[in-house]
Amino acid sequence: EVEQAQARLRVLANLTDLATITVHIQEVYGYQ
């Protein structure tokens, strides 16, 4: 149970220490 809780705590720490930015880029020739 301690190992399971520690694994969950590591996941939460990773999510809160590092933010996630997802960027979608579309290319259009001659775009203005």
PDB file of all heavy atoms in Angstrom:
ATOM      1  N   GLU A   1       0.826  -1.208   0.000  1.00  0.00           N
ATOM      2  CA  GLU A   1       0.000   0.000   0.000  1.00  0.00           C
ATOM      3  C   GLU A   1       0.863   1.263   0.000  1.00  0.00           C
ATOM      4  O   GLU A   1       0.506   2.261  -0.638  1.00  0.00           O
ATOM      5  CB  GLU A   1      -0.927  -0.020   1.214  1.00  0.00           C
ATOM      6  CG  GLU A   1      -1.961  -1.135   1.175  1.00  0.00           C
ATOM      7  CD  GLU A   1      -2.832  -1.172   2.416  1.00  0.00           C
ATOM      8  OE1 GLU A   1      -2.556  -0.368   3.331  1.00  0.00           O
ATOM      9  OE2 GLU A   1      -3.762  -1.990   2.480  1.00  0.00           O
ATOM     10  N   VAL A   2       1.989   1.215   0.713  1.00  0.00           N
ATOM     11  CA  VAL A   2       2.900   2.363   0.720  1.00  0.00           C
ATOM     12  C   VAL A   2       3.466   2.600  -0.679  1.00  0.00           C
ATOM     13  O   VAL A   2       3.531   3.746  -1.160  1.00  0.00           O
ATOM     14  CB  VAL A   2       4.035   2.148   1.735  1.00  0.00           C
ATOM     15  CG1 VAL A   2       5.123   3.203   1.568  1.00  0.00           C
ATOM     16  CG2 VAL A   2       3.497   2.200   3.154  1.00  0.00           C
ATOM     17  N   GLU A   3       3.863   1.545  -1.366  1.00  0.00           N
ATOM     18  CA  GLU A   3       4.425   1.691  -2.712  1.00  0.00           C
ATOM     19  C   GLU A   3       3.392   2.245  -3.689  1.00  0.00           C
ATOM     20  O   GLU A   3       3.714   3.081  -4.537  1.00  0.00           O
ATOM     21  CB  GLU A   3       4.960   0.345  -3.192  1.00  0.00           C
ATOM     22  CG  GLU A   3       6.192  -0.132  -2.428  1.00  0.00           C
ATOM     23  CD  GLU A   3       6.630  -1.517  -2.840  1.00  0.00           C
ATOM     24  OE1 GLU A   3       5.916  -2.129  -3.684  1.00  0.00           O
ATOM     25  OE2 GLU A   3       7.658  -1.991  -2.335  1.00  0.00           O
ATOM     26  N   GLN A   4       2.139   1.780  -3.584  1.00  0.00           N
ATOM     27  CA  GLN A   4       1.090   2.303  -4.459  1.00  0.00           C
ATOM     28  C   GLN A   4       0.849   3.784  -4.200  1.00  0.00           C
ATOM     29  O   GLN A   4       0.711   4.577  -5.145  1.00  0.00           O
ATOM     30  CB  GLN A   4      -0.203   1.515  -4.246  1.00  0.00           C
ATOM     31  CG  GLN A   4      -0.146   0.083  -4.744  1.00  0.00           C
ATOM     32  CD  GLN A   4      -1.440  -0.664  -4.493  1.00  0.00           C
ATOM     33  OE1 GLN A   4      -2.364  -0.135  -3.879  1.00  0.00           O
ATOM     34  NE2 GLN A   4      -1.516  -1.903  -4.951  1.00  0.00           N
ATOM     35  N   ALA A   5       0.809   4.164  -2.941  1.00  0.00           N
ATOM     36  CA  ALA A   5       0.597   5.575  -2.612  1.00  0.00           C
ATOM     37  C   ALA A   5       1.772   6.427  -3.069  1.00  0.00           C
ATOM     38  O   ALA A   5       1.589   7.548  -3.561  1.00  0.00           O
ATOM     39  CB  ALA A   5       0.379   5.729  -1.110  1.00  0.00           C
ATOM     40  N   GLN A   6       2.993   5.926  -2.927  1.00  0.00           N
ATOM     41  CA  GLN A   6       4.165   6.678  -3.379  1.00  0.00           C
ATOM     42  C   GLN A   6       4.164   6.848  -4.898  1.00  0.00           C
ATOM     43  O   GLN A   6       4.557   7.903  -5.400  1.00  0.00           O
ATOM     44  CB  GLN A   6       5.437   5.965  -2.928  1.00  0.00           C
ATOM     45  CG  GLN A   6       5.700   6.071  -1.430  1.00  0.00           C
ATOM     46  CD  GLN A   6       6.900   5.269  -0.989  1.00  0.00           C
ATOM     47  OE1 GLN A   6       7.332   4.337  -1.678  1.00  0.00           O
ATOM     48  NE2 GLN A   6       7.450   5.597   0.165  1.00  0.00           N
ATOM     49  N   ALA A   7       3.706   5.830  -5.630  1.00  0.00           N
ATOM     50  CA  ALA A   7       3.618   5.947  -7.086  1.00  0.00           C
ATOM     51  C   ALA A   7       2.613   7.024  -7.483  1.00  0.00           C
ATOM     52  O   ALA A   7       2.874   7.836  -8.386  1.00  0.00           O
ATOM     53  CB  ALA A   7       3.230   4.604  -7.703  1.00  0.00           C
ATOM     54  N   ARG A   8       1.469   7.059  -6.808  1.00  0.00           N
ATOM     55  CA  ARG A   8       0.470   8.086  -7.105  1.00  0.00           C
ATOM     56  C   ARG A   8       1.000   9.474  -6.760  1.00  0.00           C
ATOM     57  O   ARG A   8       0.761  10.444  -7.493  1.00  0.00           O
ATOM     58  CB  ARG A   8      -0.809   7.795  -6.313  1.00  0.00           C
ATOM     59  CG  ARG A   8      -1.913   8.837  -6.520  1.00  0.00           C
ATOM     60  CD  ARG A   8      -2.257   8.982  -7.991  1.00  0.00           C
ATOM     61  NE  ARG A   8      -3.265  10.005  -8.205  1.00  0.00           N
ATOM     62  CZ  ARG A   8      -3.583  10.480  -9.405  1.00  0.00           C
ATOM     63  NH1 ARG A   8      -2.975  10.032 -10.494  1.00  0.00           N
ATOM     64  NH2 ARG A   8      -4.501  11.406  -9.526  1.00  0.00           N
ATOM     65  N   LEU A   9       1.750   9.574  -5.662  1.00  0.00           N
ATOM     66  CA  LEU A   9       2.306  10.870  -5.267  1.00  0.00           C
ATOM     67  C   LEU A   9       3.322  11.356  -6.295  1.00  0.00           C
ATOM     68  O   LEU A   9       3.380  12.554  -6.593  1.00  0.00           O
ATOM     69  CB  LEU A   9       2.960  10.746  -3.890  1.00  0.00           C
ATOM     70  CG  LEU A   9       3.379  12.057  -3.230  1.00  0.00           C
ATOM     71  CD1 LEU A   9       2.145  12.898  -2.908  1.00  0.00           C
ATOM     72  CD2 LEU A   9       4.176  11.790  -1.964  1.00  0.00           C
ATOM     73  N   ARG A  10       4.104  10.450  -6.863  1.00  0.00           N
ATOM     74  CA  ARG A  10       5.062  10.849  -7.901  1.00  0.00           C
ATOM     75  C   ARG A  10       4.343  11.361  -9.146  1.00  0.00           C
ATOM     76  O   ARG A  10       4.793  12.320  -9.788  1.00  0.00           O
ATOM     77  CB  ARG A  10       5.973   9.671  -8.256  1.00  0.00           C
ATOM     78  CG  ARG A  10       7.031   9.356  -7.198  1.00  0.00           C
ATOM     79  CD  ARG A  10       8.076   8.409  -7.739  1.00  0.00           C
ATOM     80  NE  ARG A  10       7.504   7.108  -8.065  1.00  0.00           N
ATOM     81  CZ  ARG A  10       7.457   6.088  -7.222  1.00  0.00           C
ATOM     82  NH1 ARG A  10       7.932   6.228  -5.988  1.00  0.00           N
ATOM     83  NH2 ARG A  10       6.947   4.930  -7.587  1.00  0.00           N
ATOM     84  N   VAL A  11       3.235  10.726  -9.503  1.00  0.00           N
ATOM     85  CA  VAL A  11       2.461  11.185 -10.661  1.00  0.00           C
ATOM     86  C   VAL A  11       1.916  12.589 -10.416  1.00  0.00           C
ATOM     87  O   VAL A  11       2.011  13.476 -11.273  1.00  0.00           O
ATOM     88  CB  VAL A  11       1.315  10.194 -10.960  1.00  0.00           C
ATOM     89  CG1 VAL A  11       0.374  10.768 -12.016  1.00  0.00           C
ATOM     90  CG2 VAL A  11       1.871   8.864 -11.432  1.00  0.00           C
ATOM     91  N   LEU A  12       1.347  12.816  -9.245  1.00  0.00           N
ATOM     92  CA  LEU A  12       0.805  14.136  -8.928  1.00  0.00           C
ATOM     93  C   LEU A  12       1.906  15.188  -8.892  1.00  0.00           C
ATOM     94  O   LEU A  12       1.711  16.320  -9.354  1.00  0.00           O
ATOM     95  CB  LEU A  12       0.084  14.083  -7.582  1.00  0.00           C
ATOM     96  CG  LEU A  12      -1.209  13.260  -7.533  1.00  0.00           C
ATOM     97  CD1 LEU A  12      -1.740  13.188  -6.110  1.00  0.00           C
ATOM     98  CD2 LEU A  12      -2.260  13.835  -8.467  1.00  0.00           C
ATOM     99  N   ALA A  13       3.066  14.831  -8.346  1.00  0.00           N
ATOM    100  CA  ALA A  13       4.179  15.780  -8.294  1.00  0.00           C
ATOM    101  C   ALA A  13       4.647  16.142  -9.694  1.00  0.00           C
ATOM    102  O   ALA A  13       4.943  17.304  -9.993  1.00  0.00           O
ATOM    103  CB  ALA A  13       5.327  15.195  -7.482  1.00  0.00           C
ATOM    104  N   ASN A  14       4.683  15.153 -10.593  1.00  0.00           N
ATOM    105  CA  ASN A  14       5.107  15.425 -11.969  1.00  0.00           C
ATOM    106  C   ASN A  14       4.111  16.325 -12.682  1.00  0.00           C
ATOM    107  O   ASN A  14       4.495  17.243 -13.416  1.00  0.00           O
ATOM    108  CB  ASN A  14       5.272  14.106 -12.726  1.00  0.00           C
ATOM    109  CG  ASN A  14       5.694  14.300 -14.169  1.00  0.00           C
ATOM    110  OD1 ASN A  14       4.849  14.353 -15.066  1.00  0.00           O
ATOM    111  ND2 ASN A  14       6.979  14.409 -14.397  1.00  0.00           N
ATOM    112  N   LEU A  15       2.820  16.089 -12.456  1.00  0.00           N
ATOM    113  CA  LEU A  15       1.797  16.895 -13.121  1.00  0.00           C
ATOM    114  C   LEU A  15       1.775  18.331 -12.615  1.00  0.00           C
ATOM    115  O   LEU A  15       1.469  19.257 -13.372  1.00  0.00           O
ATOM    116  CB  LEU A  15       0.420  16.254 -12.922  1.00  0.00           C
ATOM    117  CG  LEU A  15       0.171  14.929 -13.641  1.00  0.00           C
ATOM    118  CD1 LEU A  15      -1.177  14.358 -13.241  1.00  0.00           C
ATOM    119  CD2 LEU A  15       0.244  15.094 -15.147  1.00  0.00           C
ATOM    120  N   THR A  16       2.070  18.518 -11.335  1.00  0.00           N
ATOM    121  CA  THR A  16       2.026  19.863 -10.766  1.00  0.00           C
ATOM    122  C   THR A  16       3.334  20.625 -10.960  1.00  0.00           C
ATOM    123  O   THR A  16       3.322  21.854 -11.015  1.00  0.00           O
ATOM    124  CB  THR A  16       1.693  19.794  -9.269  1.00  0.00           C
ATOM    125  OG1 THR A  16       2.629  18.914  -8.608  1.00  0.00           O
ATOM    126  CG2 THR A  16       0.288  19.250  -9.065  1.00  0.00           C
ATOM    127  N   ASP A  17       4.444  19.924 -11.054  1.00  0.00           N
ATOM    128  CA  ASP A  17       5.732  20.602 -11.253  1.00  0.00           C
ATOM    129  C   ASP A  17       5.929  21.023 -12.709  1.00  0.00           C
ATOM    130  O   ASP A  17       6.580  22.034 -12.987  1.00  0.00           O
ATOM    131  CB  ASP A  17       6.890  19.697 -10.829  1.00  0.00           C
ATOM    132  CG  ASP A  17       6.908  19.454  -9.327  1.00  0.00           C
ATOM    133  OD1 ASP A  17       6.267  20.240  -8.608  1.00  0.00           O
ATOM    134  OD2 ASP A  17       7.538  18.475  -8.882  1.00  0.00           O
ATOM    135  N   LEU A  18       5.379  20.249 -13.644  1.00  0.00           N
ATOM    136  CA  LEU A  18       5.536  20.535 -15.068  1.00  0.00           C
ATOM    137  C   LEU A  18       4.160  20.746 -15.697  1.00  0.00           C
ATOM    138  O   LEU A  18       3.295  19.863 -15.624  1.00  0.00           O
ATOM    139  CB  LEU A  18       6.269  19.393 -15.783  1.00  0.00           C
ATOM    140  CG  LEU A  18       7.710  19.124 -15.354  1.00  0.00           C
ATOM    141  CD1 LEU A  18       8.253  17.903 -16.083  1.00  0.00           C
ATOM    142  CD2 LEU A  18       8.593  20.335 -15.623  1.00  0.00           C
ATOM    143  N   ALA A  19       3.966  21.903 -16.313  1.00  0.00           N
ATOM    144  CA  ALA A  19       2.721  22.180 -17.031  1.00  0.00           C
ATOM    145  C   ALA A  19       2.784  21.572 -18.436  1.00  0.00           C
ATOM    146  O   ALA A  19       3.867  21.330 -18.979  1.00  0.00           O
ATOM    147  CB  ALA A  19       2.489  23.685 -17.124  1.00  0.00           C
ATOM    148  N   THR A  20       1.618  21.332 -19.019  1.00  0.00           N
ATOM    149  CA  THR A  20       1.523  20.712 -20.344  1.00  0.00           C
ATOM    150  C   THR A  20       0.920  21.704 -21.329  1.00  0.00           C
ATOM    151  O   THR A  20      -0.164  22.243 -21.090  1.00  0.00           O
ATOM    152  CB  THR A  20       0.661  19.441 -20.295  1.00  0.00           C
ATOM    153  OG1 THR A  20       1.217  18.528 -19.337  1.00  0.00           O
ATOM    154  CG2 THR A  20       0.611  18.768 -21.654  1.00  0.00           C
ATOM    155  N   ILE A  21       1.622  21.934 -22.439  1.00  0.00           N
ATOM    156  CA  ILE A  21       1.129  22.809 -23.508  1.00  0.00           C
ATOM    157  C   ILE A  21       1.101  21.993 -24.797  1.00  0.00           C
ATOM    158  O   ILE A  21       2.139  21.523 -25.267  1.00  0.00           O
ATOM    159  CB  ILE A  21       2.011  24.051 -23.684  1.00  0.00           C
ATOM    160  CG1 ILE A  21       2.102  24.851 -22.384  1.00  0.00           C
ATOM    161  CG2 ILE A  21       1.467  24.933 -24.809  1.00  0.00           C
ATOM    162  CD1 ILE A  21       3.005  26.068 -22.472  1.00  0.00           C
ATOM    163  N   THR A  22      -0.076  21.817 -25.366  1.00  0.00           N
ATOM    164  CA  THR A  22      -0.236  21.089 -26.623  1.00  0.00           C
ATOM    165  C   THR A  22      -0.471  22.102 -27.739  1.00  0.00           C
ATOM    166  O   THR A  22      -1.408  22.900 -27.674  1.00  0.00           O
ATOM    167  CB  THR A  22      -1.414  20.103 -26.542  1.00  0.00           C
ATOM    168  OG1 THR A  22      -1.211  19.221 -25.431  1.00  0.00           O
ATOM    169  CG2 THR A  22      -1.518  19.285 -27.816  1.00  0.00           C
ATOM    170  N   VAL A  23       0.393  22.055 -28.759  1.00  0.00           N
ATOM    171  CA  VAL A  23       0.347  23.034 -29.851  1.00  0.00           C
ATOM    172  C   VAL A  23       0.026  22.301 -31.148  1.00  0.00           C
ATOM    173  O   VAL A  23       0.729  21.361 -31.532  1.00  0.00           O
ATOM    174  CB  VAL A  23       1.689  23.784 -29.988  1.00  0.00           C
ATOM    175  CG1 VAL A  23       1.590  24.851 -31.071  1.00  0.00           C
ATOM    176  CG2 VAL A  23       2.086  24.415 -28.650  1.00  0.00           C
ATOM    177  N   HIS A  24      -1.044  22.733 -31.824  1.00  0.00           N
ATOM    178  CA  HIS A  24      -1.418  22.205 -33.138  1.00  0.00           C
ATOM    179  C   HIS A  24      -1.057  23.263 -34.180  1.00  0.00           C
ATOM    180  O   HIS A  24      -1.514  24.411 -34.083  1.00  0.00           O
ATOM    181  CB  HIS A  24      -2.913  21.900 -33.195  1.00  0.00           C
ATOM    182  CG  HIS A  24      -3.398  21.036 -32.069  1.00  0.00           C
ATOM    183  ND1 HIS A  24      -3.330  19.664 -32.094  1.00  0.00           N
ATOM    184  CD2 HIS A  24      -3.944  21.371 -30.864  1.00  0.00           C
ATOM    185  CE1 HIS A  24      -3.829  19.184 -30.967  1.00  0.00           C
ATOM    186  NE2 HIS A  24      -4.209  20.206 -30.206  1.00  0.00           N
ATOM    187  N   ILE A  25      -0.271  22.884 -35.176  1.00  0.00           N
ATOM    188  CA  ILE A  25       0.169  23.826 -36.206  1.00  0.00           C
ATOM    189  C   ILE A  25      -0.325  23.335 -37.566  1.00  0.00           C
ATOM    190  O   ILE A  25      -0.097  22.186 -37.938  1.00  0.00           O
ATOM    191  CB  ILE A  25       1.703  23.953 -36.229  1.00  0.00           C
ATOM    192  CG1 ILE A  25       2.233  24.329 -34.845  1.00  0.00           C
ATOM    193  CG2 ILE A  25       2.145  24.981 -37.256  1.00  0.00           C
ATOM    194  CD1 ILE A  25       3.746  24.398 -34.765  1.00  0.00           C
ATOM    195  N   GLN A  26      -0.992  24.221 -38.284  1.00  0.00           N
ATOM    196  CA  GLN A  26      -1.479  23.915 -39.627  1.00  0.00           C
ATOM    197  C   GLN A  26      -0.777  24.829 -40.628  1.00  0.00           C
ATOM    198  O   GLN A  26      -0.694  26.038 -40.422  1.00  0.00           O
ATOM    199  CB  GLN A  26      -2.994  24.091 -39.720  1.00  0.00           C
ATOM    200  CG  GLN A  26      -3.569  23.698 -41.068  1.00  0.00           C
ATOM    201  CD  GLN A  26      -5.083  23.820 -41.099  1.00  0.00           C
ATOM    202  OE1 GLN A  26      -5.706  24.141 -40.095  1.00  0.00           O
ATOM    203  NE2 GLN A  26      -5.663  23.569 -42.256  1.00  0.00           N
ATOM    204  N   GLU A  27      -0.295  24.233 -41.696  1.00  0.00           N
ATOM    205  CA  GLU A  27       0.436  24.979 -42.711  1.00  0.00           C
ATOM    206  C   GLU A  27      -0.482  25.300 -43.889  1.00  0.00           C
ATOM    207  O   GLU A  27      -1.226  24.437 -44.366  1.00  0.00           O
ATOM    208  CB  GLU A  27       1.640  24.152 -43.188  1.00  0.00           C
ATOM    209  CG  GLU A  27       2.537  24.860 -44.171  1.00  0.00           C
ATOM    210  CD  GLU A  27       3.713  23.991 -44.577  1.00  0.00           C
ATOM    211  OE1 GLU A  27       3.481  22.823 -44.974  1.00  0.00           O
ATOM    212  OE2 GLU A  27       4.862  24.453 -44.500  1.00  0.00           O
ATOM    213  N   VAL A  28      -0.427  26.554 -44.357  1.00  0.00           N
ATOM    214  CA  VAL A  28      -1.233  27.002 -45.496  1.00  0.00           C
ATOM    215  C   VAL A  28      -0.319  27.791 -46.425  1.00  0.00           C
ATOM    216  O   VAL A  28       0.268  28.799 -46.004  1.00  0.00           O
ATOM    217  CB  VAL A  28      -2.421  27.873 -45.048  1.00  0.00           C
ATOM    218  CG1 VAL A  28      -3.220  28.339 -46.258  1.00  0.00           C
ATOM    219  CG2 VAL A  28      -3.316  27.105 -44.084  1.00  0.00           C
ATOM    220  N   TYR A  29      -0.167  27.342 -47.664  1.00  0.00           N
ATOM    221  CA  TYR A  29       0.690  28.047 -48.624  1.00  0.00           C
ATOM    222  C   TYR A  29       0.068  29.387 -49.007  1.00  0.00           C
ATOM    223  O   TYR A  29      -1.134  29.489 -49.238  1.00  0.00           O
ATOM    224  CB  TYR A  29       0.904  27.210 -49.883  1.00  0.00           C
ATOM    225  CG  TYR A  29       1.732  25.966 -49.632  1.00  0.00           C
ATOM    226  CD1 TYR A  29       1.592  24.847 -50.443  1.00  0.00           C
ATOM    227  CD2 TYR A  29       2.653  25.912 -48.588  1.00  0.00           C
ATOM    228  CE1 TYR A  29       2.356  23.697 -50.220  1.00  0.00           C
ATOM    229  CE2 TYR A  29       3.408  24.784 -48.363  1.00  0.00           C
ATOM    230  CZ  TYR A  29       3.251  23.681 -49.178  1.00  0.00           C
ATOM    231  OH  TYR A  29       4.009  22.561 -48.945  1.00  0.00           O
ATOM    232  N   GLY A  30       0.902  30.412 -49.079  1.00  0.00           N
ATOM    233  CA  GLY A  30       0.424  31.733 -49.440  1.00  0.00           C
ATOM    234  C   GLY A  30      -0.506  32.337 -48.414  1.00  0.00           C
ATOM    235  O   GLY A  30      -1.342  33.169 -48.760  1.00  0.00           O
ATOM    236  N   TYR A  31      -0.347  31.911 -47.184  1.00  0.00           N
ATOM    237  CA  TYR A  31      -1.267  32.379 -46.136  1.00  0.00           C
ATOM    238  C   TYR A  31      -0.982  33.829 -45.774  1.00  0.00           C
ATOM    239  O   TYR A  31       0.167  34.260 -45.690  1.00  0.00           O
ATOM    240  CB  TYR A  31      -1.125  31.499 -44.900  1.00  0.00           C
ATOM    241  CG  TYR A  31      -1.879  32.029 -43.713  1.00  0.00           C
ATOM    242  CD1 TYR A  31      -3.263  31.924 -43.650  1.00  0.00           C
ATOM    243  CD2 TYR A  31      -1.205  32.650 -42.674  1.00  0.00           C
ATOM    244  CE1 TYR A  31      -3.961  32.424 -42.585  1.00  0.00           C
ATOM    245  CE2 TYR A  31      -1.899  33.144 -41.585  1.00  0.00           C
ATOM    246  CZ  TYR A  31      -3.278  33.032 -41.546  1.00  0.00           C
ATOM    247  OH  TYR A  31      -3.962  33.528 -40.479  1.00  0.00           O
ATOM    248  N   GLN A  32      -2.065  34.586 -45.586  1.00  0.00           N
ATOM    249  CA  GLN A  32      -1.978  35.967 -45.122  1.00  0.00           C
ATOM    250  C   GLN A  32      -2.863  36.125 -43.896  1.00  0.00           C
ATOM    251  O   GLN A  32      -4.023  35.718 -43.920  1.00  0.00           O
ATOM    252  CB  GLN A  32      -2.435  36.949 -46.213  1.00  0.00           C
ATOM    253  CG  GLN A  32      -1.539  36.982 -47.430  1.00  0.00           C
ATOM    254  CD  GLN A  32      -2.031  37.977 -48.462  1.00  0.00           C
ATOM    255  OE1 GLN A  32      -3.075  38.596 -48.272  1.00  0.00           O
ATOM    256  NE2 GLN A  32      -1.280  38.127 -49.527  1.00  0.00           N
TER     257      GLN A  32
END
